Amino acid sequence: MLSTRFTELVGCDVPIQQAPMGMIAPPRLALAVARAGGVGTVSAPIGVDADDLAAQLDRWVDPEAGVLGVNFITEQVDPAAVAVAAARVRVIDFFWSAPHPKLVDAAHEGGALVNWQVGSLPDAVLAVEAGADLVTVQGREAGGHVRGDTPLLPLLTSVLRAVDVPVLAAGAIAEPRALAAVLAAGASGARIGTRFVAAAESGAHPEYVLAVLAAGPESTEISDGFANCPMCATLPRVRVLRSAVAAVDSFGGDVVGTVIAGDGEEPLPPRSGMPPHKQVRGHVHAMALYAGSGVEHVSAVRPAADVVREFADGAEALLRAW
């Protein structure tokens, strides 16, 4: 059993948080991860108000499922929305904004713990000073939006020396050996995204999943090629498959695809930061195919519960052997 400060604090069985990935990580994925013993996380829509978020969460949150979390990104966060989410899930998660005590207080008042993902040592210290119960350090190897520019292990080491809360590691943790490595280095758990893109419960478009499965070593890069998104307005840096960068660079049209919205479809311009989910149609290969630098270890579509068990059993066996 992989018991850590993180599992003891949040009440999960496995030291894994499934990364929030917008519509790539729908409620069914979060619930599957939570039921398997990890922490399942969904993304709150940017700028969502409290009433709308409460209605959304009430439709799917299952208090018996295990440990669930809701992630908020950017500065457009309503403390009232944080409070209603905190009354319904165990963990409130923040990213892509400077740590702020007002948001931490709103989560605590609602009864939840706070996890703040950071990309630098100063932001980790600020998060703890703001009252965060745990922090996630994101190395530059991570897929999607990359906050900092430091590799994971040096960043993890510096943060562990500076703060006294549980610390999760994020970035290229796509197989059990990587989880064992960060636990051995002192992390209390890991935040995993890319591996769950290819989970059976993922919301990723099938062509996106196939591209992830086909990727080999050195197949990702940090790029500003998909800078049409709210998060990119402040820092246009995302790690994506190199094939997607090449495809969008050579794409000549004004519309790369469409996304189903309500009763119709809306056009997607080239270089949109929206990763292709199952409601997207068009030139998927030229869209934002986010993936971490450990993507070569993702080789099959499997149920999320099997992924969680594989990580837990494999990491535990390695740690015992070491």
C-alpha atoms as a PDB file:
ATOM      1  CA  MET A   1       0.000   0.000   0.000  1.00  0.00           C
ATOM      2  CA  LEU A   2       1.510   3.347  -1.057  1.00  0.00           C
ATOM      3  CA  SER A   3       0.595   5.487   1.947  1.00  0.00           C
ATOM      4  CA  THR A   4       2.002   9.028   1.833  1.00  0.00           C
ATOM      5  CA  ARG A   5       1.308  12.401   3.416  1.00  0.00           C
ATOM      6  CA  PHE A   6      -0.922  13.117   0.424  1.00  0.00           C
ATOM      7  CA  THR A   7      -3.052   9.990   0.720  1.00  0.00           C
ATOM      8  CA  GLU A   8      -3.406  10.507   4.461  1.00  0.00           C
ATOM      9  CA  LEU A   9      -4.406  14.152   4.030  1.00  0.00           C
ATOM     10  CA  VAL A  10      -7.008  13.775   1.281  1.00  0.00           C
ATOM     11  CA  GLY A  11      -8.218  10.261   2.152  1.00  0.00           C
ATOM     12  CA  CYS A  12      -7.386   8.455  -1.092  1.00  0.00           C
ATOM     13  CA  ASP A  13      -5.677   5.060  -1.405  1.00  0.00           C
ATOM     14  CA  VAL A  14      -3.233   5.744  -4.247  1.00  0.00           C
ATOM     15  CA  PRO A  15      -0.899   8.792  -4.430  1.00  0.00           C
ATOM     16  CA  ILE A  16      -2.175   9.857  -7.846  1.00  0.00           C
ATOM     17  CA  GLN A  17      -4.185  12.882  -8.887  1.00  0.00           C
ATOM     18  CA  GLN A  18      -5.632  12.690 -12.398  1.00  0.00           C
ATOM     19  CA  ALA A  19      -4.838  16.035 -13.976  1.00  0.00           C
ATOM     20  CA  PRO A  20      -7.726  18.300 -14.986  1.00  0.00           C
ATOM     21  CA  MET A  21      -7.791  18.563 -18.771  1.00  0.00           C
ATOM     22  CA  GLY A  22     -11.027  20.337 -19.648  1.00  0.00           C
ATOM     23  CA  MET A  23     -13.288  18.202 -21.813  1.00  0.00           C
ATOM     24  CA  ILE A  24     -10.503  15.643 -22.253  1.00  0.00           C
ATOM     25  CA  ALA A  25     -11.142  14.699 -18.607  1.00  0.00           C
ATOM     26  CA  PRO A  26     -14.960  14.518 -18.267  1.00  0.00           C
ATOM     27  CA  PRO A  27     -16.773  13.482 -15.068  1.00  0.00           C
ATOM     28  CA  ARG A  28     -16.813   9.815 -16.065  1.00  0.00           C
ATOM     29  CA  LEU A  29     -13.003   9.778 -16.080  1.00  0.00           C
ATOM     30  CA  ALA A  30     -12.747  11.589 -12.733  1.00  0.00           C
ATOM     31  CA  LEU A  31     -15.238   9.191 -11.158  1.00  0.00           C
ATOM     32  CA  ALA A  32     -13.386   6.142 -12.511  1.00  0.00           C
ATOM     33  CA  VAL A  33     -10.073   7.372 -11.093  1.00  0.00           C
ATOM     34  CA  ALA A  34     -11.663   8.181  -7.738  1.00  0.00           C
ATOM     35  CA  ARG A  35     -13.332   4.779  -7.510  1.00  0.00           C
ATOM     36  CA  ALA A  36      -9.951   3.170  -8.223  1.00  0.00           C
ATOM     37  CA  GLY A  37      -8.403   4.967  -5.260  1.00  0.00           C
ATOM     38  CA  GLY A  38      -6.853   8.068  -6.822  1.00  0.00           C
ATOM     39  CA  VAL A  39      -8.094  11.648  -6.943  1.00  0.00           C
ATOM     40  CA  GLY A  40     -10.326  12.366  -9.939  1.00  0.00           C
ATOM     41  CA  THR A  41     -10.408  15.975 -11.108  1.00  0.00           C
ATOM     42  CA  VAL A  42     -12.611  18.009 -13.444  1.00  0.00           C
ATOM     43  CA  SER A  43     -12.142  21.547 -14.738  1.00  0.00           C
ATOM     44  CA  ALA A  44     -14.516  24.356 -13.841  1.00  0.00           C
ATOM     45  CA  PRO A  45     -15.348  26.430 -16.933  1.00  0.00           C
ATOM     46  CA  ILE A  46     -13.392  29.683 -16.975  1.00  0.00           C
ATOM     47  CA  GLY A  47     -15.454  32.443 -15.406  1.00  0.00           C
ATOM     48  CA  VAL A  48     -18.319  30.123 -14.366  1.00  0.00           C
ATOM     49  CA  ASP A  49     -20.723  31.574 -11.807  1.00  0.00           C
ATOM     50  CA  ALA A  50     -21.655  29.846  -8.587  1.00  0.00           C
ATOM     51  CA  ASP A  51     -25.196  28.799  -9.510  1.00  0.00           C
ATOM     52  CA  ASP A  52     -24.211  27.272 -12.847  1.00  0.00           C
ATOM     53  CA  LEU A  53     -21.305  25.387 -11.314  1.00  0.00           C
ATOM     54  CA  ALA A  54     -23.433  24.082  -8.464  1.00  0.00           C
ATOM     55  CA  ALA A  55     -25.974  22.745 -10.961  1.00  0.00           C
ATOM     56  CA  GLN A  56     -23.251  21.085 -13.047  1.00  0.00           C
ATOM     57  CA  LEU A  57     -21.636  19.406 -10.054  1.00  0.00           C
ATOM     58  CA  ASP A  58     -24.952  18.260  -8.598  1.00  0.00           C
ATOM     59  CA  ARG A  59     -25.643  16.347 -11.805  1.00  0.00           C
ATOM     60  CA  TRP A  60     -22.642  14.044 -11.482  1.00  0.00           C
ATOM     61  CA  VAL A  61     -20.801  14.231  -8.161  1.00  0.00           C
ATOM     62  CA  ASP A  62     -21.114  10.936  -6.298  1.00  0.00           C
ATOM     63  CA  PRO A  63     -20.102  11.270  -2.620  1.00  0.00           C
ATOM     64  CA  GLU A  64     -19.544   7.499  -2.501  1.00  0.00           C
ATOM     65  CA  ALA A  65     -17.133   7.445  -5.444  1.00  0.00           C
ATOM     66  CA  GLY A  66     -13.994   8.426  -3.564  1.00  0.00           C
ATOM     67  CA  VAL A  67     -11.925  11.615  -3.590  1.00  0.00           C
ATOM     68  CA  LEU A  68     -12.881  14.188  -6.223  1.00  0.00           C
ATOM     69  CA  GLY A  69     -11.507  17.599  -7.077  1.00  0.00           C
ATOM     70  CA  VAL A  70     -12.450  20.679  -9.087  1.00  0.00           C
ATOM     71  CA  ASN A  71      -9.828  22.793 -10.829  1.00  0.00           C
ATOM     72  CA  PHE A  72      -9.997  26.557 -11.418  1.00  0.00           C
ATOM     73  CA  ILE A  73      -7.648  28.332 -13.844  1.00  0.00           C
ATOM     74  CA  THR A  74      -6.671  31.929 -14.663  1.00  0.00           C
ATOM     75  CA  GLU A  75      -7.563  35.015 -12.628  1.00  0.00           C
ATOM     76  CA  GLN A  76     -11.235  34.789 -13.651  1.00  0.00           C
ATOM     77  CA  VAL A  77     -12.359  32.905 -10.563  1.00  0.00           C
ATOM     78  CA  ASP A  78     -15.446  33.783  -8.524  1.00  0.00           C
ATOM     79  CA  PRO A  79     -14.869  32.999  -4.830  1.00  0.00           C
ATOM     80  CA  ALA A  80     -18.557  32.080  -4.596  1.00  0.00           C
ATOM     81  CA  ALA A  81     -18.042  29.422  -7.271  1.00  0.00           C
ATOM     82  CA  VAL A  82     -15.058  28.109  -5.334  1.00  0.00           C
ATOM     83  CA  ALA A  83     -17.219  27.867  -2.225  1.00  0.00           C
ATOM     84  CA  VAL A  84     -19.998  25.854  -3.884  1.00  0.00           C
ATOM     85  CA  ALA A  85     -17.455  23.471  -5.402  1.00  0.00           C
ATOM     86  CA  ALA A  86     -15.729  23.117  -2.035  1.00  0.00           C
ATOM     87  CA  ALA A  87     -19.010  22.046  -0.460  1.00  0.00           C
ATOM     88  CA  ARG A  88     -19.265  19.167  -2.955  1.00  0.00           C
ATOM     89  CA  VAL A  89     -15.709  17.798  -3.420  1.00  0.00           C
ATOM     90  CA  ARG A  90     -12.678  17.127  -1.245  1.00  0.00           C
ATOM     91  CA  VAL A  91     -10.017  19.073  -3.163  1.00  0.00           C
ATOM     92  CA  ILE A  92     -10.082  22.487  -4.828  1.00  0.00           C
ATOM     93  CA  ASP A  93      -7.291  22.909  -7.325  1.00  0.00           C
ATOM     94  CA  PHE A  94      -5.864  26.149  -8.763  1.00  0.00           C
ATOM     95  CA  PHE A  95      -3.493  26.817 -11.660  1.00  0.00           C
ATOM     96  CA  TRP A  96      -2.291  29.598 -13.951  1.00  0.00           C
ATOM     97  CA  SER A  97      -2.698  32.420 -11.479  1.00  0.00           C
ATOM     98  CA  ALA A  98      -0.736  33.833  -8.569  1.00  0.00           C
ATOM     99  CA  PRO A  99      -1.662  32.230  -5.226  1.00  0.00           C
ATOM    100  CA  HIS A 100      -4.303  34.319  -3.461  1.00  0.00           C
ATOM    101  CA  PRO A 101      -5.470  33.921   0.173  1.00  0.00           C
ATOM    102  CA  LYS A 102      -9.016  35.002  -0.771  1.00  0.00           C
ATOM    103  CA  LEU A 103      -9.502  31.948  -2.979  1.00  0.00           C
ATOM    104  CA  VAL A 104      -7.884  29.614  -0.460  1.00  0.00           C
ATOM    105  CA  ASP A 105     -10.178  30.973   2.257  1.00  0.00           C
ATOM    106  CA  ALA A 106     -13.243  30.448   0.054  1.00  0.00           C
ATOM    107  CA  ALA A 107     -12.296  26.812  -0.461  1.00  0.00           C
ATOM    108  CA  HIS A 108     -11.591  26.246   3.221  1.00  0.00           C
ATOM    109  CA  GLU A 109     -14.868  27.853   4.230  1.00  0.00           C
ATOM    110  CA  GLY A 110     -16.657  25.415   1.927  1.00  0.00           C
ATOM    111  CA  GLY A 111     -14.914  22.512   3.627  1.00  0.00           C
ATOM    112  CA  ALA A 112     -12.307  21.500   1.002  1.00  0.00           C
ATOM    113  CA  LEU A 113      -8.545  21.224   0.902  1.00  0.00           C
ATOM    114  CA  VAL A 114      -6.547  23.409  -1.495  1.00  0.00           C
ATOM    115  CA  ASN A 115      -3.944  22.251  -4.009  1.00  0.00           C
ATOM    116  CA  TRP A 116      -2.119  24.955  -5.981  1.00  0.00           C
ATOM    117  CA  GLN A 117      -0.102  23.899  -9.025  1.00  0.00           C
ATOM    118  CA  VAL A 118       3.014  26.010  -9.561  1.00  0.00           C
ATOM    119  CA  GLY A 119       5.930  26.155 -11.941  1.00  0.00           C
ATOM    120  CA  SER A 120       8.520  27.834  -9.731  1.00  0.00           C
ATOM    121  CA  LEU A 121       9.900  27.849  -6.198  1.00  0.00           C
ATOM    122  CA  PRO A 122       8.672  31.406  -5.407  1.00  0.00           C
ATOM    123  CA  ASP A 123       5.101  30.499  -6.405  1.00  0.00           C
ATOM    124  CA  ALA A 124       5.248  27.349  -4.269  1.00  0.00           C
ATOM    125  CA  VAL A 125       6.247  29.414  -1.250  1.00  0.00           C
ATOM    126  CA  LEU A 126       3.511  31.964  -2.022  1.00  0.00           C
ATOM    127  CA  ALA A 127       0.920  29.188  -2.264  1.00  0.00           C
ATOM    128  CA  VAL A 128       1.804  27.849   1.167  1.00  0.00           C
ATOM    129  CA  GLU A 129       1.865  31.356   2.628  1.00  0.00           C
ATOM    130  CA  ALA A 130      -1.622  31.867   1.144  1.00  0.00           C
ATOM    131  CA  GLY A 131      -2.822  28.806   3.063  1.00  0.00           C
ATOM    132  CA  ALA A 132      -2.665  25.990   0.480  1.00  0.00           C
ATOM    133  CA  ASP A 133      -2.760  22.541   2.071  1.00  0.00           C
ATOM    134  CA  LEU A 134      -0.579  21.009  -0.635  1.00  0.00           C
ATOM    135  CA  VAL A 135       1.193  22.095  -3.802  1.00  0.00           C
ATOM    136  CA  THR A 136       1.851  20.482  -7.152  1.00  0.00           C
ATOM    137  CA  VAL A 137       5.142  21.320  -8.823  1.00  0.00           C
ATOM    138  CA  GLN A 138       4.957  21.216 -12.601  1.00  0.00           C
ATOM    139  CA  GLY A 139       8.181  20.555 -14.455  1.00  0.00           C
ATOM    140  CA  ARG A 140       8.742  21.744 -17.990  1.00  0.00           C
ATOM    141  CA  GLU A 141       8.273  18.142 -19.163  1.00  0.00           C
ATOM    142  CA  ALA A 142       4.511  18.386 -18.542  1.00  0.00           C
ATOM    143  CA  GLY A 143       1.985  18.298 -21.355  1.00  0.00           C
ATOM    144  CA  GLY A 144      -0.378  21.166 -22.052  1.00  0.00           C
ATOM    145  CA  HIS A 145       0.118  24.601 -20.554  1.00  0.00           C
ATOM    146  CA  VAL A 146       3.552  24.871 -18.946  1.00  0.00           C
ATOM    147  CA  ARG A 147       3.873  27.457 -16.188  1.00  0.00           C
ATOM    148  CA  GLY A 148       7.607  27.378 -15.539  1.00  0.00           C
ATOM    149  CA  ASP A 149      10.858  26.495 -17.286  1.00  0.00           C
ATOM    150  CA  THR A 150      12.577  24.236 -14.746  1.00  0.00           C
ATOM    151  CA  PRO A 151      12.856  20.446 -15.155  1.00  0.00           C
ATOM    152  CA  LEU A 152      10.762  18.510 -12.672  1.00  0.00           C
ATOM    153  CA  LEU A 153      13.366  16.915 -10.420  1.00  0.00           C
ATOM    154  CA  PRO A 154      15.399  20.091  -9.695  1.00  0.00           C
ATOM    155  CA  LEU A 155      12.169  21.999  -9.070  1.00  0.00           C
ATOM    156  CA  LEU A 156      10.797  19.248  -6.840  1.00  0.00           C
ATOM    157  CA  THR A 157      14.004  19.169  -4.812  1.00  0.00           C
ATOM    158  CA  SER A 158      14.027  22.925  -4.223  1.00  0.00           C
ATOM    159  CA  VAL A 159      10.339  23.039  -3.260  1.00  0.00           C
ATOM    160  CA  LEU A 160      10.654  20.097  -0.858  1.00  0.00           C
ATOM    161  CA  ARG A 161      13.416  21.978   0.943  1.00  0.00           C
ATOM    162  CA  ALA A 162      11.323  25.138   1.207  1.00  0.00           C
ATOM    163  CA  VAL A 163       7.797  24.050   2.210  1.00  0.00           C
ATOM    164  CA  ASP A 164       6.309  21.715   4.804  1.00  0.00           C
ATOM    165  CA  VAL A 165       3.135  20.577   3.057  1.00  0.00           C
ATOM    166  CA  PRO A 166       2.640  17.507   0.861  1.00  0.00           C
ATOM    167  CA  VAL A 167       4.075  18.065  -2.611  1.00  0.00           C
ATOM    168  CA  LEU A 168       2.866  16.370  -5.798  1.00  0.00           C
ATOM    169  CA  ALA A 169       5.049  16.079  -8.883  1.00  0.00           C
ATOM    170  CA  ALA A 170       3.806  16.727 -12.428  1.00  0.00           C
ATOM    171  CA  GLY A 171       5.571  16.256 -15.739  1.00  0.00           C
ATOM    172  CA  ALA A 172       6.349  13.156 -17.827  1.00  0.00           C
ATOM    173  CA  ILE A 173       4.972  10.722 -15.247  1.00  0.00           C
ATOM    174  CA  ALA A 174       3.466   8.281 -17.706  1.00  0.00           C
ATOM    175  CA  GLU A 175       4.582   4.908 -16.323  1.00  0.00           C
ATOM    176  CA  PRO A 176       5.116   3.303 -12.895  1.00  0.00           C
ATOM    177  CA  ARG A 177       8.893   3.799 -12.811  1.00  0.00           C
ATOM    178  CA  ALA A 178       8.433   7.569 -13.059  1.00  0.00           C
ATOM    179  CA  LEU A 179       5.943   7.517 -10.180  1.00  0.00           C
ATOM    180  CA  ALA A 180       8.363   5.463  -8.087  1.00  0.00           C
ATOM    181  CA  ALA A 181      11.164   7.901  -8.929  1.00  0.00           C
ATOM    182  CA  VAL A 182       9.348  11.006  -7.711  1.00  0.00           C
ATOM    183  CA  LEU A 183       8.148   9.207  -4.569  1.00  0.00           C
ATOM    184  CA  ALA A 184      11.714   8.135  -3.880  1.00  0.00           C
ATOM    185  CA  ALA A 185      12.801  11.745  -4.379  1.00  0.00           C
ATOM    186  CA  GLY A 186      10.410  12.894  -1.646  1.00  0.00           C
ATOM    187  CA  ALA A 187       7.171  13.735  -3.438  1.00  0.00           C
ATOM    188  CA  SER A 188       3.951  12.661  -1.734  1.00  0.00           C
ATOM    189  CA  GLY A 189       2.329  11.737  -5.021  1.00  0.00           C
ATOM    190  CA  ALA A 190       2.012  12.573  -8.687  1.00  0.00           C
ATOM    191  CA  ARG A 191      -0.338  14.475 -10.932  1.00  0.00           C
ATOM    192  CA  ILE A 192      -0.802  12.512 -14.158  1.00  0.00           C
ATOM    193  CA  GLY A 193      -2.400  13.755 -17.367  1.00  0.00           C
ATOM    194  CA  THR A 194      -1.055  12.292 -20.610  1.00  0.00           C
ATOM    195  CA  ARG A 195      -1.571   8.664 -19.594  1.00  0.00           C
ATOM    196  CA  PHE A 196      -5.261   9.367 -18.963  1.00  0.00           C
ATOM    197  CA  VAL A 197      -5.727  10.887 -22.426  1.00  0.00           C
ATOM    198  CA  ALA A 198      -5.716   7.264 -23.573  1.00  0.00           C
ATOM    199  CA  ALA A 199      -7.991   5.965 -20.812  1.00  0.00           C
ATOM    200  CA  ALA A 200     -11.198   4.291 -21.917  1.00  0.00           C
ATOM    201  CA  GLU A 201     -13.198   7.036 -20.152  1.00  0.00           C
ATOM    202  CA  SER A 202     -11.244   9.897 -21.731  1.00  0.00           C
ATOM    203  CA  GLY A 203     -13.070  12.595 -23.662  1.00  0.00           C
ATOM    204  CA  ALA A 204     -10.277  12.876 -26.232  1.00  0.00           C
ATOM    205  CA  HIS A 205     -11.098  12.616 -29.930  1.00  0.00           C
ATOM    206  CA  PRO A 206     -10.158   9.147 -31.272  1.00  0.00           C
ATOM    207  CA  GLU A 207      -7.591  10.666 -33.653  1.00  0.00           C
ATOM    208  CA  TYR A 208      -5.963  12.476 -30.738  1.00  0.00           C
ATOM    209  CA  VAL A 209      -5.737   9.187 -28.838  1.00  0.00           C
ATOM    210  CA  LEU A 210      -4.186   7.453 -31.863  1.00  0.00           C
ATOM    211  CA  ALA A 211      -1.594  10.218 -32.177  1.00  0.00           C
ATOM    212  CA  VAL A 212      -0.663   9.786 -28.511  1.00  0.00           C
ATOM    213  CA  LEU A 213      -0.361   6.018 -28.909  1.00  0.00           C
ATOM    214  CA  ALA A 214       1.842   6.421 -32.002  1.00  0.00           C
ATOM    215  CA  ALA A 215       4.206   8.948 -30.410  1.00  0.00           C
ATOM    216  CA  GLY A 216       7.776   7.923 -29.692  1.00  0.00           C
ATOM    217  CA  PRO A 217      10.681   9.454 -27.753  1.00  0.00           C
ATOM    218  CA  GLU A 218      11.402  13.151 -28.361  1.00  0.00           C
ATOM    219  CA  SER A 219       8.009  13.576 -30.026  1.00  0.00           C
ATOM    220  CA  THR A 220       6.886  16.656 -28.054  1.00  0.00           C
ATOM    221  CA  GLU A 221       7.995  20.257 -27.862  1.00  0.00           C
ATOM    222  CA  ILE A 222       7.098  23.466 -26.046  1.00  0.00           C
ATOM    223  CA  SER A 223       5.528  25.791 -28.593  1.00  0.00           C
ATOM    224  CA  ASP A 224       3.592  29.026 -28.992  1.00  0.00           C
ATOM    225  CA  GLY A 225       1.841  27.520 -32.003  1.00  0.00           C
ATOM    226  CA  PHE A 226      -1.526  27.173 -30.249  1.00  0.00           C
ATOM    227  CA  ALA A 227      -1.762  30.569 -28.589  1.00  0.00           C
ATOM    228  CA  ASN A 228      -5.441  31.312 -29.265  1.00  0.00           C
ATOM    229  CA  CYS A 229      -6.756  30.607 -25.747  1.00  0.00           C
ATOM    230  CA  PRO A 230      -7.443  32.465 -22.450  1.00  0.00           C
ATOM    231  CA  MET A 231      -4.405  31.002 -20.695  1.00  0.00           C
ATOM    232  CA  CYS A 232      -2.122  31.831 -23.616  1.00  0.00           C
ATOM    233  CA  ALA A 233      -2.920  35.524 -23.307  1.00  0.00           C
ATOM    234  CA  THR A 234      -0.457  35.731 -20.419  1.00  0.00           C
ATOM    235  CA  LEU A 235       2.016  32.991 -21.352  1.00  0.00           C
ATOM    236  CA  PRO A 236       1.739  31.238 -24.745  1.00  0.00           C
ATOM    237  CA  ARG A 237       3.742  28.104 -23.873  1.00  0.00           C
ATOM    238  CA  VAL A 238       2.285  24.634 -24.324  1.00  0.00           C
ATOM    239  CA  ARG A 239       3.860  21.203 -24.727  1.00  0.00           C
ATOM    240  CA  VAL A 240       2.287  19.416 -27.678  1.00  0.00           C
ATOM    241  CA  LEU A 241       3.138  16.681 -30.150  1.00  0.00           C
ATOM    242  CA  ARG A 242       5.663  17.908 -32.706  1.00  0.00           C
ATOM    243  CA  SER A 243       3.434  16.488 -35.426  1.00  0.00           C
ATOM    244  CA  ALA A 244       0.675  18.937 -34.441  1.00  0.00           C
ATOM    245  CA  VAL A 245       3.028  21.915 -34.673  1.00  0.00           C
ATOM    246  CA  ALA A 246       4.186  20.831 -38.118  1.00  0.00           C
ATOM    247  CA  ALA A 247       0.601  20.257 -39.245  1.00  0.00           C
ATOM    248  CA  VAL A 248      -0.730  23.620 -38.113  1.00  0.00           C
ATOM    249  CA  ASP A 249       2.291  25.430 -39.582  1.00  0.00           C
ATOM    250  CA  SER A 250       1.470  23.963 -42.989  1.00  0.00           C
ATOM    251  CA  PHE A 251      -2.302  24.371 -42.686  1.00  0.00           C
ATOM    252  CA  GLY A 252      -3.608  26.947 -45.139  1.00  0.00           C
ATOM    253  CA  GLY A 253      -7.287  27.336 -44.281  1.00  0.00           C
ATOM    254  CA  ASP A 254      -9.194  29.793 -42.098  1.00  0.00           C
ATOM    255  CA  VAL A 255     -11.098  27.103 -40.178  1.00  0.00           C
ATOM    256  CA  VAL A 256      -9.362  23.992 -38.869  1.00  0.00           C
ATOM    257  CA  GLY A 257     -12.578  22.360 -37.690  1.00  0.00           C
ATOM    258  CA  THR A 258     -15.824  22.781 -35.791  1.00  0.00           C
ATOM    259  CA  VAL A 259     -17.036  22.081 -32.274  1.00  0.00           C
ATOM    260  CA  ILE A 260     -20.582  21.071 -31.403  1.00  0.00           C
ATOM    261  CA  ALA A 261     -22.181  23.792 -29.274  1.00  0.00           C
ATOM    262  CA  GLY A 262     -25.829  23.510 -28.288  1.00  0.00           C
ATOM    263  CA  ASP A 263     -27.911  22.729 -31.365  1.00  0.00           C
ATOM    264  CA  GLY A 264     -25.256  23.742 -33.858  1.00  0.00           C
ATOM    265  CA  GLU A 265     -21.540  23.890 -34.550  1.00  0.00           C
ATOM    266  CA  GLU A 266     -19.013  26.676 -34.092  1.00  0.00           C
ATOM    267  CA  PRO A 267     -15.875  27.103 -36.226  1.00  0.00           C
ATOM    268  CA  LEU A 268     -12.442  26.516 -34.741  1.00  0.00           C
ATOM    269  CA  PRO A 269      -9.712  28.804 -36.068  1.00  0.00           C
ATOM    270  CA  PRO A 270      -6.218  27.447 -36.663  1.00  0.00           C
ATOM    271  CA  ARG A 271      -3.980  27.599 -33.570  1.00  0.00           C
ATOM    272  CA  SER A 272      -6.890  27.321 -31.150  1.00  0.00           C
ATOM    273  CA  GLY A 273      -5.774  26.189 -27.722  1.00  0.00           C
ATOM    274  CA  MET A 274      -8.722  23.800 -27.422  1.00  0.00           C
ATOM    275  CA  PRO A 275      -7.527  20.188 -27.526  1.00  0.00           C
ATOM    276  CA  PRO A 276      -9.730  18.023 -29.762  1.00  0.00           C
ATOM    277  CA  HIS A 277     -12.389  16.268 -27.714  1.00  0.00           C
ATOM    278  CA  LYS A 278     -15.159  14.009 -28.951  1.00  0.00           C
ATOM    279  CA  GLN A 279     -17.408  16.934 -29.919  1.00  0.00           C
ATOM    280  CA  VAL A 280     -14.807  18.310 -32.339  1.00  0.00           C
ATOM    281  CA  ARG A 281     -14.699  17.641 -36.089  1.00  0.00           C
ATOM    282  CA  GLY A 282     -12.118  18.578 -38.702  1.00  0.00           C
ATOM    283  CA  HIS A 283      -8.349  18.448 -39.157  1.00  0.00           C
ATOM    284  CA  VAL A 284      -7.611  16.916 -35.761  1.00  0.00           C
ATOM    285  CA  HIS A 285      -3.945  16.318 -36.600  1.00  0.00           C
ATOM    286  CA  ALA A 286      -3.468  20.126 -36.826  1.00  0.00           C
ATOM    287  CA  MET A 287      -5.102  20.874 -33.461  1.00  0.00           C
ATOM    288  CA  ALA A 288      -3.586  21.247 -29.988  1.00  0.00           C
ATOM    289  CA  LEU A 289      -2.506  17.676 -29.256  1.00  0.00           C
ATOM    290  CA  TYR A 290      -1.194  18.228 -25.748  1.00  0.00           C
ATOM    291  CA  ALA A 291       1.188  15.568 -24.446  1.00  0.00           C
ATOM    292  CA  GLY A 292       3.961  15.352 -21.901  1.00  0.00           C
ATOM    293  CA  SER A 293       7.492  14.284 -22.732  1.00  0.00           C
ATOM    294  CA  GLY A 294       6.826  10.789 -21.364  1.00  0.00           C
ATOM    295  CA  VAL A 295       4.198  10.125 -24.033  1.00  0.00           C
ATOM    296  CA  GLU A 296       6.190   7.260 -25.554  1.00  0.00           C
ATOM    297  CA  HIS A 297       5.182   5.133 -22.555  1.00  0.00           C
ATOM    298  CA  VAL A 298       1.481   5.390 -23.470  1.00  0.00           C
ATOM    299  CA  SER A 299       0.925   2.369 -25.684  1.00  0.00           C
ATOM    300  CA  ALA A 300      -2.659   1.177 -25.214  1.00  0.00           C
ATOM    301  CA  VAL A 301      -6.171   2.359 -24.346  1.00  0.00           C
ATOM    302  CA  ARG A 302      -7.104   0.913 -20.963  1.00  0.00           C
ATOM    303  CA  PRO A 303      -9.803   1.579 -18.355  1.00  0.00           C
ATOM    304  CA  ALA A 304      -8.764   4.266 -15.876  1.00  0.00           C
ATOM    305  CA  ALA A 305      -9.020   1.811 -12.977  1.00  0.00           C
ATOM    306  CA  ASP A 306      -6.468  -0.461 -14.673  1.00  0.00           C
ATOM    307  CA  VAL A 307      -4.148   2.508 -15.208  1.00  0.00           C
ATOM    308  CA  VAL A 308      -4.352   3.469 -11.532  1.00  0.00           C
ATOM    309  CA  ARG A 309      -3.679  -0.105 -10.416  1.00  0.00           C
ATOM    310  CA  GLU A 310      -0.765  -0.450 -12.840  1.00  0.00           C
ATOM    311  CA  PHE A 311       0.866   2.694 -11.462  1.00  0.00           C
ATOM    312  CA  ALA A 312       0.265   1.753  -7.841  1.00  0.00           C
ATOM    313  CA  ASP A 313       1.368  -1.873  -8.087  1.00  0.00           C
ATOM    314  CA  GLY A 314       4.338  -1.139 -10.312  1.00  0.00           C
ATOM    315  CA  ALA A 315       5.638   1.766  -8.241  1.00  0.00           C
ATOM    316  CA  GLU A 316       5.240  -0.148  -4.994  1.00  0.00           C
ATOM    317  CA  ALA A 317       7.145  -3.139  -6.373  1.00  0.00           C
ATOM    318  CA  LEU A 318       9.958  -0.915  -7.597  1.00  0.00           C
ATOM    319  CA  LEU A 319      10.233   0.952  -4.292  1.00  0.00           C
ATOM    320  CA  ARG A 320      10.419  -2.345  -2.404  1.00  0.00           C
ATOM    321  CA  ALA A 321      13.112  -3.605  -4.763  1.00  0.00           C
ATOM    322  CA  TRP A 322      15.128  -0.399  -4.455  1.00  0.00           C
END
